[in-house]
Amino acid sequence: MMEEDFEAVEEDVEQISTTYTPPSKEEARWIFDYEKLYWEIRAKLMGGWLTQNKLNEYVIVKPKGATPLLNITGIEQTMALVNGFITKIQALTILDEERILTLCKDLYINLAKFYYINMEEFDLTPERASLVIRIVCNLFETNLRKSLGGRSMQIIGMTEKIIETKTTPKRRFGII
């Protein structure tokens, strides 16, 4: 066979493209919304729960006759203390289990000392102080776990594009 008996080899190209998109507005809000933690803690201390209205504003719902866990002075001062532990940057950090537990322990110790010193002023009993500390620390730890191993960063960085190209050469005379 001579060279002119073959046609130029053309290839069929099939591209498969997969795209992972960045987090939605709701997912991004969940990652960075440290204010929700603040308001959720406040709602629990007031004896209620947190919801959002049609304008996406946080609203504390307090059932009729619900008793706050401590008086308003105690709630305000607790929130001032807790606010020092809550930051926007937490969502962008990469924390390990040990660091999360260390931060929680630090908050726990600070709250315990704070309530021991101010128990009468805040209208607290030792049992209620223990309950308040557990509520605050559980919510705080849950919020920190978004950063365990950089999970928040992984969600943010999920924008990637994978292109796979398959080529199949055309054949003539059974020869490639």
N, C-alpha and C. Protein backbone atom coordinates (compact mmCIF):
# COMPACT_ATOMS: atom_id res chain seq x y z
N MET A 1 0.84 -1.17 0.00
CA MET A 1 0.00 0.00 0.00
C MET A 1 0.88 1.23 0.00
N MET A 2 0.36 2.18 -0.66
CA MET A 2 1.12 3.41 -0.80
C MET A 2 0.53 4.46 0.15
N GLU A 3 1.32 5.45 0.41
CA GLU A 3 0.93 6.50 1.35
C GLU A 3 -0.33 7.22 0.91
N GLU A 4 -0.54 7.37 -0.39
CA GLU A 4 -1.71 8.09 -0.85
C GLU A 4 -3.00 7.29 -0.70
N ASP A 5 -2.91 5.99 -0.36
CA ASP A 5 -4.10 5.17 -0.15
C ASP A 5 -4.76 5.47 1.21
N PHE A 6 -4.10 6.18 2.08
CA PHE A 6 -4.65 6.48 3.41
C PHE A 6 -5.14 7.93 3.45
N GLU A 7 -6.27 8.09 4.08
CA GLU A 7 -6.76 9.45 4.32
C GLU A 7 -6.05 9.99 5.55
N ALA A 8 -6.04 11.27 5.68
CA ALA A 8 -5.49 11.87 6.90
C ALA A 8 -6.32 11.37 8.08
N VAL A 9 -5.65 11.06 9.16
CA VAL A 9 -6.35 10.54 10.33
C VAL A 9 -7.02 11.70 11.06
N GLU A 10 -8.32 11.59 11.22
CA GLU A 10 -9.07 12.58 11.98
C GLU A 10 -9.54 11.91 13.25
N GLU A 11 -9.73 12.69 14.26
CA GLU A 11 -10.15 12.12 15.54
C GLU A 11 -11.48 12.70 15.95
N ASP A 12 -12.32 11.83 16.51
CA ASP A 12 -13.55 12.30 17.14
C ASP A 12 -13.17 12.62 18.59
N VAL A 13 -13.56 13.77 19.07
CA VAL A 13 -13.20 14.20 20.42
C VAL A 13 -14.49 14.35 21.22
N GLU A 14 -14.52 13.68 22.34
CA GLU A 14 -15.66 13.79 23.24
C GLU A 14 -15.13 14.40 24.53
N GLN A 15 -15.75 15.48 24.97
CA GLN A 15 -15.33 16.10 26.22
C GLN A 15 -16.42 15.92 27.26
N ILE A 16 -15.99 15.49 28.41
CA ILE A 16 -16.90 15.37 29.54
C ILE A 16 -16.45 16.41 30.55
N SER A 17 -17.35 17.29 30.93
CA SER A 17 -16.98 18.37 31.83
C SER A 17 -17.84 18.29 33.09
N THR A 18 -17.20 18.35 34.24
CA THR A 18 -17.91 18.36 35.51
C THR A 18 -17.49 19.61 36.25
N THR A 19 -18.45 20.36 36.72
CA THR A 19 -18.14 21.58 37.44
C THR A 19 -18.79 21.53 38.82
N TYR A 20 -18.03 21.83 39.83
CA TYR A 20 -18.55 21.96 41.18
C TYR A 20 -18.67 23.44 41.47
N THR A 21 -19.82 23.87 41.90
CA THR A 21 -20.04 25.29 42.11
C THR A 21 -19.76 25.68 43.56
N PRO A 22 -19.50 26.95 43.78
CA PRO A 22 -19.26 27.41 45.14
C PRO A 22 -20.53 27.31 45.98
N PRO A 23 -20.41 27.50 47.29
CA PRO A 23 -21.60 27.37 48.14
C PRO A 23 -22.67 28.40 47.78
N SER A 24 -23.90 28.01 48.00
CA SER A 24 -25.02 28.93 47.75
C SER A 24 -25.01 30.03 48.81
N LYS A 25 -25.88 31.00 48.64
CA LYS A 25 -25.99 32.09 49.62
C LYS A 25 -26.32 31.54 51.01
N GLU A 26 -27.22 30.58 51.04
CA GLU A 26 -27.63 30.00 52.32
C GLU A 26 -26.46 29.26 52.99
N GLU A 27 -25.71 28.50 52.20
CA GLU A 27 -24.56 27.78 52.74
C GLU A 27 -23.49 28.76 53.22
N ALA A 28 -23.24 29.78 52.44
CA ALA A 28 -22.24 30.77 52.85
C ALA A 28 -22.69 31.50 54.11
N ARG A 29 -23.97 31.79 54.18
CA ARG A 29 -24.49 32.46 55.38
C ARG A 29 -24.32 31.55 56.59
N TRP A 30 -24.59 30.27 56.43
CA TRP A 30 -24.42 29.32 57.53
C TRP A 30 -22.96 29.28 57.99
N ILE A 31 -22.04 29.32 57.05
CA ILE A 31 -20.62 29.26 57.39
C ILE A 31 -20.19 30.49 58.18
N PHE A 32 -20.58 31.66 57.72
CA PHE A 32 -20.07 32.91 58.28
C PHE A 32 -20.97 33.58 59.31
N ASP A 33 -22.15 33.05 59.54
CA ASP A 33 -23.11 33.72 60.39
C ASP A 33 -22.84 33.48 61.87
N TYR A 34 -21.88 34.19 62.41
CA TYR A 34 -21.58 34.09 63.82
C TYR A 34 -22.65 34.79 64.66
N GLU A 35 -23.38 35.73 64.06
CA GLU A 35 -24.42 36.45 64.78
C GLU A 35 -25.55 35.51 65.20
N LYS A 36 -25.81 34.50 64.39
CA LYS A 36 -26.87 33.56 64.74
C LYS A 36 -26.52 32.85 66.05
N LEU A 37 -25.27 32.49 66.22
CA LEU A 37 -24.84 31.86 67.47
C LEU A 37 -25.10 32.79 68.64
N TYR A 38 -24.73 34.05 68.47
CA TYR A 38 -24.93 35.04 69.52
C TYR A 38 -26.41 35.13 69.91
N TRP A 39 -27.29 35.25 68.91
CA TRP A 39 -28.72 35.38 69.18
C TRP A 39 -29.34 34.08 69.69
N GLU A 40 -28.81 32.97 69.24
CA GLU A 40 -29.32 31.68 69.72
C GLU A 40 -29.01 31.49 71.21
N ILE A 41 -27.81 31.86 71.61
CA ILE A 41 -27.46 31.79 73.03
C ILE A 41 -28.36 32.72 73.84
N ARG A 42 -28.53 33.94 73.36
CA ARG A 42 -29.39 34.92 74.05
C ARG A 42 -30.82 34.38 74.21
N ALA A 43 -31.36 33.80 73.14
CA ALA A 43 -32.72 33.27 73.17
C ALA A 43 -32.86 32.18 74.24
N LYS A 44 -31.90 31.28 74.29
CA LYS A 44 -31.95 30.18 75.27
C LYS A 44 -31.87 30.72 76.70
N LEU A 45 -31.01 31.71 76.92
CA LEU A 45 -30.88 32.29 78.25
C LEU A 45 -32.17 32.99 78.68
N MET A 46 -32.90 33.52 77.70
CA MET A 46 -34.16 34.21 78.00
C MET A 46 -35.33 33.24 78.14
N GLY A 47 -35.08 31.95 77.90
CA GLY A 47 -36.14 30.96 78.04
C GLY A 47 -36.95 30.78 76.78
N GLY A 48 -36.39 31.14 75.64
CA GLY A 48 -37.11 31.03 74.38
C GLY A 48 -36.29 30.32 73.33
N TRP A 49 -36.62 30.57 72.08
CA TRP A 49 -35.86 30.01 70.96
C TRP A 49 -35.78 31.06 69.86
N LEU A 50 -34.93 30.77 68.90
CA LEU A 50 -34.64 31.72 67.83
C LEU A 50 -35.35 31.31 66.55
N THR A 51 -35.87 32.30 65.84
CA THR A 51 -36.46 32.08 64.52
C THR A 51 -36.11 33.30 63.65
N GLN A 52 -36.49 33.25 62.40
CA GLN A 52 -36.27 34.37 61.50
C GLN A 52 -37.60 34.83 60.92
N ASN A 53 -37.75 36.15 60.78
CA ASN A 53 -38.98 36.66 60.18
C ASN A 53 -38.81 36.74 58.66
N LYS A 54 -39.79 37.31 57.98
CA LYS A 54 -39.77 37.37 56.51
C LYS A 54 -38.64 38.25 55.98
N LEU A 55 -38.12 39.13 56.81
CA LEU A 55 -37.01 40.00 56.40
C LEU A 55 -35.66 39.38 56.75
N ASN A 56 -35.66 38.10 57.15
CA ASN A 56 -34.45 37.38 57.56
C ASN A 56 -33.78 37.99 58.79
N GLU A 57 -34.57 38.64 59.64
CA GLU A 57 -34.07 39.17 60.90
C GLU A 57 -34.30 38.13 61.98
N TYR A 58 -33.40 38.05 62.93
CA TYR A 58 -33.56 37.10 64.02
C TYR A 58 -34.59 37.63 65.01
N VAL A 59 -35.45 36.72 65.43
CA VAL A 59 -36.50 37.05 66.38
C VAL A 59 -36.48 36.00 67.48
N ILE A 60 -36.49 36.46 68.71
CA ILE A 60 -36.54 35.54 69.85
C ILE A 60 -38.00 35.33 70.22
N VAL A 61 -38.41 34.08 70.21
CA VAL A 61 -39.77 33.71 70.57
C VAL A 61 -39.72 33.20 72.01
N LYS A 62 -40.50 33.85 72.85
CA LYS A 62 -40.51 33.48 74.27
C LYS A 62 -41.94 33.12 74.64
N PRO A 63 -42.17 31.85 75.00
CA PRO A 63 -43.53 31.44 75.36
C PRO A 63 -44.03 32.21 76.59
N LYS A 64 -45.33 32.39 76.65
CA LYS A 64 -45.94 33.08 77.79
C LYS A 64 -45.61 32.31 79.07
N GLY A 65 -45.13 33.00 80.06
CA GLY A 65 -44.81 32.38 81.34
C GLY A 65 -43.44 31.73 81.40
N ALA A 66 -42.66 31.79 80.30
CA ALA A 66 -41.32 31.21 80.31
C ALA A 66 -40.42 32.02 81.23
N THR A 67 -39.61 31.32 82.00
CA THR A 67 -38.72 31.97 82.95
C THR A 67 -37.30 31.99 82.39
N PRO A 68 -36.68 33.18 82.36
CA PRO A 68 -35.29 33.23 81.91
C PRO A 68 -34.39 32.45 82.88
N LEU A 69 -33.26 31.98 82.38
CA LEU A 69 -32.35 31.21 83.22
C LEU A 69 -31.58 32.10 84.19
N LEU A 70 -31.46 33.40 83.88
CA LEU A 70 -30.86 34.38 84.78
C LEU A 70 -31.48 35.73 84.47
N ASN A 71 -31.27 36.71 85.33
CA ASN A 71 -31.92 38.01 85.11
C ASN A 71 -31.27 38.76 83.94
N ILE A 72 -31.87 39.89 83.59
CA ILE A 72 -31.43 40.63 82.40
C ILE A 72 -29.98 41.11 82.52
N THR A 73 -29.56 41.48 83.73
CA THR A 73 -28.17 41.89 83.93
C THR A 73 -27.24 40.71 83.64
N GLY A 74 -27.62 39.53 84.13
CA GLY A 74 -26.83 38.33 83.89
C GLY A 74 -26.77 37.96 82.42
N ILE A 75 -27.90 38.11 81.73
CA ILE A 75 -27.95 37.81 80.30
C ILE A 75 -27.03 38.76 79.54
N GLU A 76 -27.15 40.05 79.82
CA GLU A 76 -26.33 41.04 79.11
C GLU A 76 -24.84 40.84 79.37
N GLN A 77 -24.48 40.58 80.62
CA GLN A 77 -23.06 40.40 80.93
C GLN A 77 -22.53 39.07 80.39
N THR A 78 -23.38 38.05 80.39
CA THR A 78 -22.98 36.76 79.78
C THR A 78 -22.72 36.95 78.30
N MET A 79 -23.61 37.67 77.62
CA MET A 79 -23.45 37.88 76.19
C MET A 79 -22.20 38.72 75.89
N ALA A 80 -21.88 39.66 76.77
CA ALA A 80 -20.65 40.45 76.58
C ALA A 80 -19.43 39.55 76.70
N LEU A 81 -19.45 38.63 77.66
CA LEU A 81 -18.32 37.70 77.82
C LEU A 81 -18.23 36.74 76.64
N VAL A 82 -19.35 36.16 76.26
CA VAL A 82 -19.38 35.20 75.15
C VAL A 82 -18.99 35.87 73.84
N ASN A 83 -19.39 37.11 73.66
CA ASN A 83 -19.08 37.83 72.42
C ASN A 83 -17.57 37.92 72.18
N GLY A 84 -16.79 37.93 73.25
CA GLY A 84 -15.35 37.95 73.12
C GLY A 84 -14.78 36.65 72.55
N PHE A 85 -15.56 35.58 72.60
CA PHE A 85 -15.13 34.28 72.09
C PHE A 85 -15.64 33.98 70.69
N ILE A 86 -16.56 34.81 70.20
CA ILE A 86 -17.19 34.57 68.90
C ILE A 86 -16.67 35.59 67.89
N THR A 87 -16.11 35.11 66.78
CA THR A 87 -15.64 36.02 65.73
C THR A 87 -15.98 35.48 64.36
N LYS A 88 -16.02 36.39 63.38
CA LYS A 88 -16.26 36.00 61.98
C LYS A 88 -15.14 35.11 61.47
N ILE A 89 -13.94 35.37 61.92
CA ILE A 89 -12.76 34.68 61.39
C ILE A 89 -12.75 33.19 61.74
N GLN A 90 -13.53 32.79 62.75
CA GLN A 90 -13.54 31.38 63.14
C GLN A 90 -13.92 30.48 61.97
N ALA A 91 -14.81 30.94 61.12
CA ALA A 91 -15.22 30.13 59.97
C ALA A 91 -14.09 29.90 58.98
N LEU A 92 -13.11 30.78 59.00
CA LEU A 92 -12.00 30.67 58.05
C LEU A 92 -10.77 30.01 58.65
N THR A 93 -10.89 29.53 59.86
CA THR A 93 -9.73 28.90 60.50
C THR A 93 -9.77 27.39 60.30
N ILE A 94 -8.63 26.79 60.51
CA ILE A 94 -8.53 25.33 60.45
C ILE A 94 -8.19 24.87 61.86
N LEU A 95 -9.17 24.30 62.52
CA LEU A 95 -8.99 23.87 63.90
C LEU A 95 -8.95 22.35 63.98
N ASP A 96 -8.18 21.86 64.92
CA ASP A 96 -8.22 20.42 65.19
C ASP A 96 -9.04 20.19 66.45
N GLU A 97 -9.32 18.94 66.73
CA GLU A 97 -10.16 18.57 67.87
C GLU A 97 -9.61 19.15 69.17
N GLU A 98 -8.32 19.06 69.35
CA GLU A 98 -7.70 19.54 70.60
C GLU A 98 -7.90 21.04 70.78
N ARG A 99 -7.75 21.81 69.70
CA ARG A 99 -7.91 23.26 69.80
C ARG A 99 -9.36 23.63 70.10
N ILE A 100 -10.30 22.94 69.48
CA ILE A 100 -11.72 23.20 69.75
C ILE A 100 -12.03 22.95 71.21
N LEU A 101 -11.56 21.82 71.73
CA LEU A 101 -11.81 21.50 73.14
C LEU A 101 -11.12 22.47 74.08
N THR A 102 -9.95 22.97 73.70
CA THR A 102 -9.23 23.97 74.51
C THR A 102 -10.03 25.27 74.57
N LEU A 103 -10.54 25.72 73.43
CA LEU A 103 -11.34 26.95 73.40
C LEU A 103 -12.62 26.79 74.22
N CYS A 104 -13.26 25.63 74.12
CA CYS A 104 -14.47 25.37 74.89
C CYS A 104 -14.17 25.33 76.38
N LYS A 105 -13.07 24.71 76.74
CA LYS A 105 -12.68 24.64 78.15
C LYS A 105 -12.40 26.04 78.68
N ASP A 106 -11.75 26.86 77.89
CA ASP A 106 -11.46 28.24 78.30
C ASP A 106 -12.75 29.01 78.56
N LEU A 107 -13.72 28.90 77.65
CA LEU A 107 -15.01 29.56 77.84
C LEU A 107 -15.71 29.01 79.08
N TYR A 108 -15.67 27.69 79.25
CA TYR A 108 -16.31 27.03 80.39
C TYR A 108 -15.75 27.57 81.71
N ILE A 109 -14.44 27.64 81.80
CA ILE A 109 -13.78 28.12 83.02
C ILE A 109 -14.12 29.58 83.29
N ASN A 110 -14.09 30.39 82.23
CA ASN A 110 -14.44 31.81 82.39
C ASN A 110 -15.88 32.00 82.86
N LEU A 111 -16.79 31.24 82.27
CA LEU A 111 -18.20 31.34 82.70
C LEU A 111 -18.37 30.85 84.14
N ALA A 112 -17.72 29.76 84.51
CA ALA A 112 -17.84 29.23 85.87
C ALA A 112 -17.36 30.25 86.90
N LYS A 113 -16.22 30.85 86.66
CA LYS A 113 -15.70 31.88 87.58
C LYS A 113 -16.65 33.08 87.63
N PHE A 114 -17.08 33.50 86.45
CA PHE A 114 -17.96 34.66 86.33
C PHE A 114 -19.26 34.45 87.11
N TYR A 115 -19.85 33.26 86.97
CA TYR A 115 -21.11 32.99 87.67
C TYR A 115 -20.89 32.78 89.17
N TYR A 116 -19.80 32.21 89.55
CA TYR A 116 -19.50 32.02 90.97
C TYR A 116 -19.42 33.39 91.66
N ILE A 117 -18.74 34.33 91.01
CA ILE A 117 -18.57 35.67 91.58
C ILE A 117 -19.89 36.45 91.58
N ASN A 118 -20.71 36.26 90.55
CA ASN A 118 -21.92 37.08 90.36
C ASN A 118 -23.23 36.31 90.55
N MET A 119 -23.19 35.20 91.23
CA MET A 119 -24.37 34.34 91.36
C MET A 119 -25.58 35.10 91.92
N GLU A 120 -25.40 35.80 93.00
CA GLU A 120 -26.52 36.53 93.62
C GLU A 120 -27.01 37.65 92.71
N GLU A 121 -26.07 38.41 92.14
CA GLU A 121 -26.44 39.52 91.28
C GLU A 121 -27.23 39.06 90.06
N PHE A 122 -26.92 37.88 89.55
CA PHE A 122 -27.58 37.36 88.34
C PHE A 122 -28.80 36.49 88.66
N ASP A 123 -29.13 36.36 89.95
CA ASP A 123 -30.26 35.54 90.38
C ASP A 123 -30.10 34.09 89.91
N LEU A 124 -28.92 33.53 90.17
CA LEU A 124 -28.58 32.17 89.74
C LEU A 124 -28.44 31.23 90.94
N THR A 125 -28.82 29.99 90.73
CA THR A 125 -28.50 28.93 91.68
C THR A 125 -27.34 28.15 91.07
N PRO A 126 -26.61 27.38 91.87
CA PRO A 126 -25.52 26.58 91.29
C PRO A 126 -26.01 25.63 90.18
N GLU A 127 -27.20 25.07 90.36
CA GLU A 127 -27.75 24.15 89.34
C GLU A 127 -28.03 24.88 88.03
N ARG A 128 -28.66 26.07 88.14
CA ARG A 128 -28.95 26.83 86.92
C ARG A 128 -27.68 27.36 86.28
N ALA A 129 -26.69 27.73 87.09
CA ALA A 129 -25.41 28.20 86.54
C ALA A 129 -24.77 27.08 85.73
N SER A 130 -24.83 25.87 86.26
CA SER A 130 -24.28 24.71 85.54
C SER A 130 -25.01 24.49 84.22
N LEU A 131 -26.33 24.61 84.25
CA LEU A 131 -27.14 24.44 83.04
C LEU A 131 -26.80 25.51 82.01
N VAL A 132 -26.71 26.76 82.45
CA VAL A 132 -26.38 27.86 81.54
C VAL A 132 -25.02 27.63 80.90
N ILE A 133 -24.04 27.23 81.69
CA ILE A 133 -22.69 26.98 81.16
C ILE A 133 -22.73 25.88 80.11
N ARG A 134 -23.47 24.81 80.38
CA ARG A 134 -23.55 23.72 79.39
C ARG A 134 -24.24 24.16 78.11
N ILE A 135 -25.31 24.92 78.23
CA ILE A 135 -26.01 25.41 77.04
C ILE A 135 -25.08 26.28 76.20
N VAL A 136 -24.44 27.25 76.83
CA VAL A 136 -23.55 28.16 76.11
C VAL A 136 -22.39 27.40 75.48
N CYS A 137 -21.76 26.54 76.25
CA CYS A 137 -20.59 25.81 75.73
C CYS A 137 -20.96 24.83 74.63
N ASN A 138 -22.12 24.18 74.73
CA ASN A 138 -22.54 23.26 73.66
C ASN A 138 -22.78 24.01 72.35
N LEU A 139 -23.45 25.14 72.42
CA LEU A 139 -23.68 25.93 71.21
C LEU A 139 -22.37 26.46 70.64
N PHE A 140 -21.48 26.89 71.52
CA PHE A 140 -20.17 27.40 71.09
C PHE A 140 -19.36 26.30 70.40
N GLU A 141 -19.34 25.12 71.01
CA GLU A 141 -18.58 24.01 70.42
C GLU A 141 -19.15 23.61 69.07
N THR A 142 -20.46 23.53 68.99
CA THR A 142 -21.10 23.18 67.72
C THR A 142 -20.71 24.16 66.62
N ASN A 143 -20.69 25.44 66.96
CA ASN A 143 -20.30 26.46 65.98
C ASN A 143 -18.84 26.29 65.57
N LEU A 144 -17.96 26.01 66.52
CA LEU A 144 -16.54 25.83 66.20
C LEU A 144 -16.29 24.63 65.30
N ARG A 145 -17.12 23.62 65.39
CA ARG A 145 -16.92 22.40 64.61
C ARG A 145 -17.06 22.63 63.11
N LYS A 146 -17.60 23.78 62.70
CA LYS A 146 -17.61 24.13 61.27
C LYS A 146 -16.19 24.25 60.75
N SER A 147 -15.26 24.56 61.65
CA SER A 147 -13.86 24.78 61.26
C SER A 147 -12.98 23.56 61.51
N LEU A 148 -13.56 22.47 61.97
CA LEU A 148 -12.78 21.26 62.25
C LEU A 148 -12.14 20.76 60.96
N GLY A 149 -10.82 20.73 60.95
CA GLY A 149 -10.09 20.28 59.77
C GLY A 149 -10.27 21.19 58.56
N GLY A 150 -10.74 22.42 58.78
CA GLY A 150 -10.92 23.36 57.68
C GLY A 150 -12.16 23.10 56.85
N ARG A 151 -13.21 22.50 57.45
CA ARG A 151 -14.44 22.18 56.69
C ARG A 151 -15.02 23.38 55.97
N SER A 152 -15.09 24.50 56.66
CA SER A 152 -15.65 25.70 56.01
C SER A 152 -14.83 26.09 54.79
N MET A 153 -13.52 26.02 54.94
CA MET A 153 -12.64 26.36 53.82
C MET A 153 -12.82 25.37 52.67
N GLN A 154 -13.05 24.10 53.00
CA GLN A 154 -13.27 23.10 51.94
C GLN A 154 -14.54 23.39 51.18
N ILE A 155 -15.59 23.80 51.89
CA ILE A 155 -16.85 24.12 51.23
C ILE A 155 -16.67 25.33 50.31
N ILE A 156 -15.97 26.33 50.81
CA ILE A 156 -15.73 27.53 50.01
C ILE A 156 -14.88 27.20 48.78
N GLY A 157 -13.88 26.35 48.96
CA GLY A 157 -12.95 26.03 47.88
C GLY A 157 -13.40 24.93 46.95
N MET A 158 -14.68 24.59 46.98
CA MET A 158 -15.15 23.49 46.13
C MET A 158 -15.37 23.89 44.68
N THR A 159 -14.87 25.01 44.28
CA THR A 159 -14.99 25.40 42.88
C THR A 159 -13.84 24.79 42.12
N GLU A 160 -14.13 23.80 41.34
CA GLU A 160 -13.09 23.20 40.51
C GLU A 160 -13.75 22.67 39.25
N LYS A 161 -12.98 22.55 38.22
CA LYS A 161 -13.51 22.09 36.94
C LYS A 161 -12.65 20.93 36.47
N ILE A 162 -13.31 19.85 36.13
CA ILE A 162 -12.60 18.67 35.65
C ILE A 162 -13.03 18.44 34.21
N ILE A 163 -12.07 18.36 33.33
CA ILE A 163 -12.36 18.09 31.92
C ILE A 163 -11.64 16.81 31.54
N GLU A 164 -12.41 15.86 31.05
CA GLU A 164 -11.84 14.60 30.61
C GLU A 164 -12.02 14.54 29.10
N THR A 165 -10.97 14.28 28.40
CA THR A 165 -11.03 14.23 26.94
C THR A 165 -10.75 12.80 26.47
N LYS A 166 -11.67 12.28 25.67
CA LYS A 166 -11.49 10.95 25.09
C LYS A 166 -11.37 11.14 23.58
N THR A 167 -10.40 10.51 22.98
CA THR A 167 -10.25 10.60 21.53
C THR A 167 -10.35 9.21 20.92
N THR A 168 -11.04 9.16 19.81
CA THR A 168 -11.17 7.92 19.06
C THR A 168 -10.77 8.20 17.63
N PRO A 169 -9.65 7.62 17.19
CA PRO A 169 -9.21 7.89 15.81
C PRO A 169 -10.13 7.19 14.81
N LYS A 170 -10.32 7.83 13.63
CA LYS A 170 -11.09 7.19 12.56
C LYS A 170 -10.20 6.16 11.92
N ARG A 171 -10.80 5.09 11.45
CA ARG A 171 -10.02 4.01 10.84
C ARG A 171 -10.32 3.93 9.35
N ARG A 172 -9.34 3.46 8.63
CA ARG A 172 -9.54 3.16 7.20
C ARG A 172 -8.77 1.88 6.90
N PHE A 173 -9.36 0.98 6.25
CA PHE A 173 -8.79 -0.32 5.88
C PHE A 173 -8.42 -1.13 7.13
N GLY A 174 -9.14 -0.90 8.25
CA GLY A 174 -8.85 -1.68 9.44
C GLY A 174 -7.55 -1.31 10.11
N ILE A 175 -6.89 -0.27 9.65
CA ILE A 175 -5.63 0.14 10.23
C ILE A 175 -5.82 1.51 10.88
N ILE A 176 -5.23 1.68 12.00
CA ILE A 176 -5.34 2.97 12.69
C ILE A 176 -4.37 3.94 12.07
